[in-house]
Amino acid sequence: MTTAVAIREKVGNMEPEDQEAMLVRLLERAAADPSSALFPPMLPLELAMRADTPANICRAYDITKEQFTALVHHPVFIKAWQEAVEMLKVEGMSFKVKCKLQAEDYLGTTWAMVKNPNISDSVRADLIKNTVRWAGR
């Protein structure tokens, strides 16, 4: 069973509000550890911005047509794309959105630093606290 099918089965009988909350949690979980993400974190935003054709954007991320076809049917990806579209409608390409783009890109670095035992405990603790705060928890 694919992940998308498993998620559909899990949320299929939920109320719409509960589905939304579950998909947001799954999206947050995927973003928490960039190494386990289902897709590059910037992909939904680049597609929503229409920065280039979907084919060229996917080529830049080394995503095949088959992978992209599966991805656009994945509930977590759909939710991420919807959030990117809504963010652009509300905020446009403001300074805040540009900062969010950078923050998304830095998640991998933050994750690596938190997991690196050679980084001081105080720096790692600050990164963990800030990540939790940024996630709104």
Protein backbone atom coordinates (compact mmCIF):
# COMPACT_ATOMS: atom_id res chain seq x y z
CA MET A 1 0.00 0.00 0.00
CA THR A 2 1.40 3.41 -0.93
CA THR A 3 1.69 6.22 1.58
CA ALA A 4 -0.93 8.25 -0.30
CA VAL A 5 -3.43 5.37 -0.14
CA ALA A 6 -2.72 4.85 3.56
CA ILE A 7 -3.31 8.54 4.27
CA ARG A 8 -6.52 8.56 2.20
CA GLU A 9 -7.80 5.56 4.15
CA LYS A 10 -6.85 7.19 7.45
CA VAL A 11 -8.56 10.53 6.74
CA GLY A 12 -11.32 9.30 4.44
CA ASN A 13 -13.96 8.89 7.14
CA MET A 14 -13.02 11.96 9.17
CA GLU A 15 -14.97 15.18 9.35
CA PRO A 16 -13.55 17.89 7.06
CA GLU A 17 -12.12 19.89 10.00
CA ASP A 18 -10.45 16.77 11.37
CA GLN A 19 -9.09 15.90 7.91
CA GLU A 20 -7.57 19.36 7.64
CA ALA A 21 -5.97 19.11 11.10
CA MET A 22 -4.57 15.65 10.32
CA LEU A 23 -3.10 16.80 6.99
CA VAL A 24 -1.53 19.83 8.65
CA ARG A 25 0.05 17.56 11.29
CA LEU A 26 1.40 15.24 8.58
CA LEU A 27 2.77 18.22 6.67
CA GLU A 28 4.44 19.57 9.81
CA ARG A 29 5.92 16.16 10.52
CA ALA A 30 7.31 15.99 6.97
CA ALA A 31 8.82 19.46 7.36
CA ALA A 32 10.30 18.68 10.78
CA ASP A 33 12.84 16.25 9.37
CA PRO A 34 13.92 17.34 5.88
CA SER A 35 15.60 13.98 5.33
CA SER A 36 12.21 12.24 5.48
CA ALA A 37 10.23 14.76 3.44
CA LEU A 38 8.03 13.40 0.70
CA PHE A 39 9.02 16.27 -1.58
CA PRO A 40 11.42 19.21 -1.60
CA PRO A 41 9.92 21.83 0.76
CA MET A 42 10.14 24.61 -1.85
CA LEU A 43 8.39 22.63 -4.60
CA PRO A 44 4.78 23.55 -3.72
CA LEU A 45 5.66 27.24 -3.44
CA GLU A 46 7.60 27.31 -6.70
CA LEU A 47 4.65 25.66 -8.44
CA ALA A 48 2.19 28.06 -6.81
CA MET A 49 4.33 31.05 -7.86
CA ARG A 50 4.48 29.66 -11.40
CA ALA A 51 8.18 30.48 -11.38
CA ASP A 52 8.59 28.26 -14.44
CA THR A 53 6.74 25.41 -16.12
CA PRO A 54 6.03 22.40 -13.90
CA ALA A 55 8.27 20.32 -16.18
CA ASN A 56 11.23 22.68 -15.73
CA ILE A 57 10.67 22.98 -11.97
CA CYS A 58 10.55 19.20 -11.63
CA ARG A 59 13.64 18.80 -13.78
CA ALA A 60 15.51 21.18 -11.41
CA TYR A 61 14.53 18.91 -8.48
CA ASP A 62 15.25 15.74 -10.48
CA ILE A 63 11.60 14.64 -10.23
CA THR A 64 10.36 12.39 -13.01
CA LYS A 65 6.99 12.76 -14.70
CA GLU A 66 5.81 9.58 -12.97
CA GLN A 67 6.95 10.83 -9.56
CA PHE A 68 5.24 14.18 -10.14
CA THR A 69 2.01 12.47 -11.20
CA ALA A 70 2.02 10.47 -7.95
CA LEU A 71 2.97 13.52 -5.92
CA VAL A 72 0.11 15.73 -7.14
CA HIS A 73 -2.33 13.11 -5.86
CA HIS A 74 -0.69 12.87 -2.43
CA PRO A 75 -2.83 14.54 0.27
CA VAL A 76 0.14 16.08 2.09
CA PHE A 77 1.49 17.59 -1.13
CA ILE A 78 -1.96 18.87 -2.09
CA LYS A 79 -2.27 20.55 1.32
CA ALA A 80 1.20 22.12 1.00
CA TRP A 81 0.37 23.45 -2.47
CA GLN A 82 -2.97 24.84 -1.28
CA GLU A 83 -1.23 26.59 1.61
CA ALA A 84 1.37 28.05 -0.76
CA VAL A 85 -1.35 29.36 -3.10
CA GLU A 86 -3.25 30.89 -0.19
CA MET A 87 -0.12 32.45 1.28
CA LEU A 88 0.67 34.09 -2.05
CA LYS A 89 -2.90 35.40 -2.33
CA VAL A 90 -2.81 36.89 1.16
CA GLU A 91 0.79 38.05 1.40
CA GLY A 92 2.07 38.26 -2.16
CA MET A 93 5.85 38.18 -2.42
CA SER A 94 6.33 40.26 0.71
CA PHE A 95 9.46 40.38 2.82
CA LYS A 96 7.76 37.94 5.20
CA VAL A 97 7.20 35.40 2.39
CA LYS A 98 10.81 35.75 1.27
CA CYS A 99 11.93 35.10 4.85
CA LYS A 100 9.69 32.02 4.98
CA LEU A 101 11.33 30.78 1.77
CA GLN A 102 14.76 31.16 3.34
CA ALA A 103 13.64 29.51 6.57
CA GLU A 104 12.31 26.51 4.64
CA ASP A 105 15.63 26.22 2.87
CA TYR A 106 17.52 26.34 6.19
CA LEU A 107 15.55 23.49 7.77
CA GLY A 108 18.05 20.94 6.53
CA THR A 109 20.92 22.89 8.08
CA THR A 110 19.05 23.31 11.35
CA TRP A 111 18.24 19.59 11.44
CA ALA A 112 21.88 18.67 10.79
CA MET A 113 23.10 21.03 13.51
CA VAL A 114 20.63 19.69 16.09
CA LYS A 115 21.71 16.12 15.33
CA ASN A 116 25.43 16.93 15.35
CA PRO A 117 26.97 16.07 18.75
CA ASN A 118 29.92 18.37 17.94
CA ILE A 119 27.65 21.43 18.08
CA SER A 120 27.43 22.87 21.60
CA ASP A 121 24.44 21.79 23.67
CA SER A 122 23.33 25.42 24.15
CA VAL A 123 23.22 26.04 20.39
CA ARG A 124 21.37 22.79 19.81
CA ALA A 125 18.89 23.63 22.61
CA ASP A 126 18.28 27.09 21.11
CA LEU A 127 17.67 25.59 17.68
CA ILE A 128 15.20 23.08 19.12
CA LYS A 129 13.36 25.79 21.10
CA ASN A 130 13.22 28.09 18.09
CA THR A 131 12.02 25.34 15.78
CA VAL A 132 9.20 24.52 18.19
CA ARG A 133 8.34 28.23 18.45
CA TRP A 134 8.40 28.70 14.67
CA ALA A 135 6.07 25.74 14.30
CA GLY A 136 3.59 27.55 16.53
CA ARG A 137 3.75 25.02 19.36
